Amino acid sequence: MIYPKLILTDIDGVWTDGGMYYDQTGNEWKKFHTYDSAGILLAHKLNIPVGIITGEETEIVRRRAKKLKVDYLYQGIKRKIYVVQQLAELLHINKEDIAYIGDDINDVEVFNYVGICGVPASAPQYIKRFSTIQLKKNGGEGVFREFVEKILLANWTDGDILKLYTEEEYRQ
C-alpha cells in the first residue's frame, strides 16, 4: 500500500467556505465542518502527519488545529512552498511523498512541487487543473476528509476505511 508520508492543507476555501465573517465588534468567525476531523484521525491512524499552512493568522485556526491534534501549524505564510520544502527536509521525505490540498493562486507553487494534489470543487477552474485527485465537495463541506479518503481508497476498500476508523482505540 502506498500512502503519502505527509498531508498538508490550506484552511480558507478548504476547511472553510472561504468566507470571512465579522461581528459588530470586529471579531472574526469561521465555520468548520466536523467531517474534516475524520480525515485527521484516519491520517494519524496510519502514522501520517498532517500540517496546516495558511496565509491568515488567527486564534480560531490555532484552536481548531490544537483540538484536532494537527502535527504542524504554520500561519501568516506568504510563500507556502518554503514551508513545504522545510518539512520535506525535516522529515527526510521526497516531494512526491507529500499530499496537499489548496484552492487558490497562492497554492500553485505547492501544487507544482508535491506528488498528490487536491482542489475543492468550489475552486476556480484554472486552479482545478492542478488536482491529481478529483474532489466533489466544496470548501467548508468536508473536502479535506474527502481528500484523505480518496488517497486511502487508492489502496483500500471503503469497508477497510470504516474498520480503520471504528477501531476501539479511536472511539472517544
Protein backbone atom coordinates (compact mmCIF):
# COMPACT_ATOMS: atom_id res chain seq x y z
CA MET A 1 0.00 0.00 0.00
CA ILE A 2 1.32 3.40 -0.96
CA TYR A 3 0.41 6.44 1.11
CA PRO A 4 1.85 9.91 1.35
CA LYS A 5 4.24 10.44 4.22
CA LEU A 6 2.81 13.90 4.91
CA ILE A 7 -0.56 15.52 4.24
CA LEU A 8 -0.70 19.32 4.10
CA THR A 9 -3.68 21.62 3.76
CA ASP A 10 -4.71 25.20 3.33
CA ILE A 11 -7.57 26.43 5.55
CA ASP A 12 -9.67 29.19 3.95
CA GLY A 13 -11.54 27.75 0.98
CA VAL A 14 -10.70 24.18 2.04
CA TRP A 15 -11.71 23.66 5.68
CA THR A 16 -13.97 26.72 5.42
CA ASP A 17 -16.18 28.04 2.64
CA GLY A 18 -13.70 30.87 2.15
CA GLY A 19 -16.00 33.47 3.70
CA MET A 20 -14.74 35.99 6.22
CA TYR A 21 -17.35 36.70 8.87
CA TYR A 22 -17.13 39.59 11.33
CA ASP A 23 -19.44 40.62 14.14
CA GLN A 24 -20.20 44.23 15.11
CA THR A 25 -17.20 44.40 17.42
CA GLY A 26 -14.75 43.17 14.76
CA ASN A 27 -14.42 39.57 15.95
CA GLU A 28 -13.75 37.17 13.10
CA TRP A 29 -15.76 33.95 12.70
CA LYS A 30 -15.06 30.86 10.63
CA LYS A 31 -17.30 27.85 10.13
CA PHE A 32 -15.53 24.49 10.07
CA HIS A 33 -17.16 21.23 9.00
CA THR A 34 -16.92 18.46 11.56
CA TYR A 35 -16.32 15.87 8.79
CA ASP A 36 -12.77 17.11 8.33
CA SER A 37 -11.79 15.83 11.78
CA ALA A 38 -12.18 12.25 10.49
CA GLY A 39 -9.55 13.00 7.85
CA ILE A 40 -7.09 13.86 10.62
CA LEU A 41 -7.99 10.72 12.58
CA LEU A 42 -7.53 8.47 9.55
CA ALA A 43 -4.19 10.00 8.65
CA HIS A 44 -2.96 9.67 12.23
CA LYS A 45 -4.14 6.07 12.40
CA LEU A 46 -1.74 5.39 9.52
CA ASN A 47 1.02 7.46 11.17
CA ILE A 48 0.79 10.15 8.50
CA PRO A 49 1.40 13.60 9.99
CA VAL A 50 -0.90 16.44 8.98
CA GLY A 51 0.05 20.10 8.63
CA ILE A 52 -1.83 23.33 8.03
CA ILE A 53 -0.21 26.13 6.03
CA THR A 54 -2.24 29.32 5.74
CA GLY A 55 -1.69 32.94 4.87
CA GLU A 56 -4.06 34.09 7.59
CA GLU A 57 -3.12 34.23 11.25
CA THR A 58 -6.00 33.68 13.66
CA GLU A 59 -6.64 32.24 17.07
CA ILE A 60 -9.61 30.38 15.55
CA VAL A 61 -7.34 28.25 13.36
CA ARG A 62 -4.87 27.76 16.20
CA ARG A 63 -7.66 26.41 18.43
CA ARG A 64 -9.05 24.13 15.70
CA ALA A 65 -5.59 22.72 14.98
CA LYS A 66 -4.96 22.08 18.68
CA LYS A 67 -8.34 20.40 19.16
CA LEU A 68 -7.74 18.05 16.21
CA LYS A 69 -4.09 17.41 17.18
CA VAL A 70 -2.72 18.69 13.88
CA ASP A 71 1.02 17.97 13.81
CA TYR A 72 2.23 21.17 12.13
CA LEU A 73 0.64 24.61 12.04
CA TYR A 74 2.07 27.48 10.03
CA GLN A 75 0.09 30.73 9.93
CA GLY A 76 0.83 34.05 8.27
CA ILE A 77 2.76 32.32 5.47
CA LYS A 78 3.05 34.20 2.19
CA ARG A 79 5.14 31.67 0.21
CA LYS A 80 3.91 28.24 1.28
CA ILE A 81 6.44 26.40 -0.87
CA TYR A 82 9.25 27.29 1.56
CA VAL A 83 7.41 25.64 4.47
CA VAL A 84 6.69 22.55 2.37
CA GLN A 85 10.35 22.24 1.39
CA GLN A 86 11.47 22.69 5.01
CA LEU A 87 9.06 19.98 6.18
CA ALA A 88 10.28 17.59 3.48
CA GLU A 89 13.84 18.17 4.66
CA LEU A 90 12.91 17.89 8.35
CA LEU A 91 11.05 14.62 7.80
CA HIS A 92 13.58 13.25 5.27
CA ILE A 93 10.91 12.62 2.66
CA ASN A 94 10.73 13.18 -1.07
CA LYS A 95 8.44 15.83 -2.50
CA GLU A 96 6.49 13.03 -4.23
CA ASP A 97 5.58 11.69 -0.77
CA ILE A 98 3.64 14.85 0.10
CA ALA A 99 -0.10 15.34 -0.47
CA TYR A 100 -1.52 18.87 -0.49
CA ILE A 101 -5.00 20.33 -0.79
CA GLY A 102 -5.48 24.01 -1.57
CA ASP A 103 -7.86 26.19 -3.52
CA ASP A 104 -6.27 29.29 -5.00
CA ILE A 105 -3.39 31.08 -6.70
CA ASN A 106 -1.17 31.10 -3.61
CA ASP A 107 -1.21 27.26 -3.67
CA VAL A 108 0.08 26.81 -7.24
CA GLU A 109 3.79 26.62 -6.28
CA VAL A 110 2.96 23.83 -3.85
CA PHE A 111 0.78 22.00 -6.41
CA ASN A 112 3.73 22.01 -8.81
CA TYR A 113 6.06 20.63 -6.12
CA VAL A 114 4.18 17.80 -4.35
CA GLY A 115 3.20 14.34 -5.55
CA ILE A 116 -0.54 14.39 -4.78
CA CYS A 117 -2.81 17.43 -5.19
CA GLY A 118 -6.41 18.06 -4.29
CA VAL A 119 -8.62 21.04 -5.10
CA PRO A 120 -12.17 21.61 -3.81
CA ALA A 121 -14.97 21.71 -6.40
CA SER A 122 -15.58 25.36 -5.45
CA ALA A 123 -12.12 26.47 -6.59
CA PRO A 124 -11.70 28.43 -9.85
CA GLN A 125 -11.47 26.24 -12.96
CA TYR A 126 -7.92 27.32 -13.72
CA ILE A 127 -6.88 26.08 -10.25
CA LYS A 128 -8.77 22.78 -10.55
CA ARG A 129 -6.48 21.71 -13.40
CA PHE A 130 -3.68 21.16 -10.85
CA SER A 131 -5.66 18.49 -8.99
CA THR A 132 -4.42 14.91 -9.30
CA ILE A 133 -7.41 13.67 -7.29
CA GLN A 134 -10.89 14.71 -8.40
CA LEU A 135 -12.97 16.02 -5.48
CA LYS A 136 -16.71 16.66 -5.46
CA LYS A 137 -17.10 18.65 -2.27
CA ASN A 138 -16.77 22.40 -1.97
CA GLY A 139 -14.56 24.10 0.58
CA GLY A 140 -16.18 24.03 4.01
CA GLU A 141 -18.19 20.88 3.22
CA GLY A 142 -15.72 18.27 4.48
CA VAL A 143 -13.46 18.29 1.42
CA PHE A 144 -10.31 17.64 3.49
CA ARG A 145 -11.83 14.37 4.67
CA GLU A 146 -12.85 13.52 1.10
CA PHE A 147 -9.24 14.15 0.01
CA VAL A 148 -7.80 11.82 2.67
CA GLU A 149 -10.40 9.14 1.96
CA LYS A 150 -9.68 9.26 -1.80
CA ILE A 151 -5.99 8.74 -1.07
CA LEU A 152 -6.83 5.74 1.10
CA LEU A 153 -9.32 4.34 -1.45
CA ALA A 154 -6.48 4.09 -3.95
CA ASN A 155 -5.26 1.19 -1.79
CA TRP A 156 -8.19 0.04 0.33
CA THR A 157 -11.92 -0.55 0.10
CA ASP A 158 -14.42 1.68 1.86
CA GLY A 159 -15.02 -1.24 4.26
CA ASP A 160 -11.33 -1.19 5.20
CA ILE A 161 -11.53 2.54 5.87
CA LEU A 162 -14.62 2.10 8.03
CA LYS A 163 -12.85 -0.62 10.01
CA LEU A 164 -9.78 1.59 10.43
CA TYR A 165 -11.92 4.49 11.66
CA THR A 166 -14.01 2.45 14.08
CA GLU A 167 -11.23 0.52 15.79
CA GLU A 168 -11.63 0.68 19.55
CA GLU A 169 -8.58 2.83 20.27
CA TYR A 170 -10.11 5.73 18.29
CA ARG A 171 -13.54 5.70 19.88
CA GLN A 172 -13.95 8.59 22.28
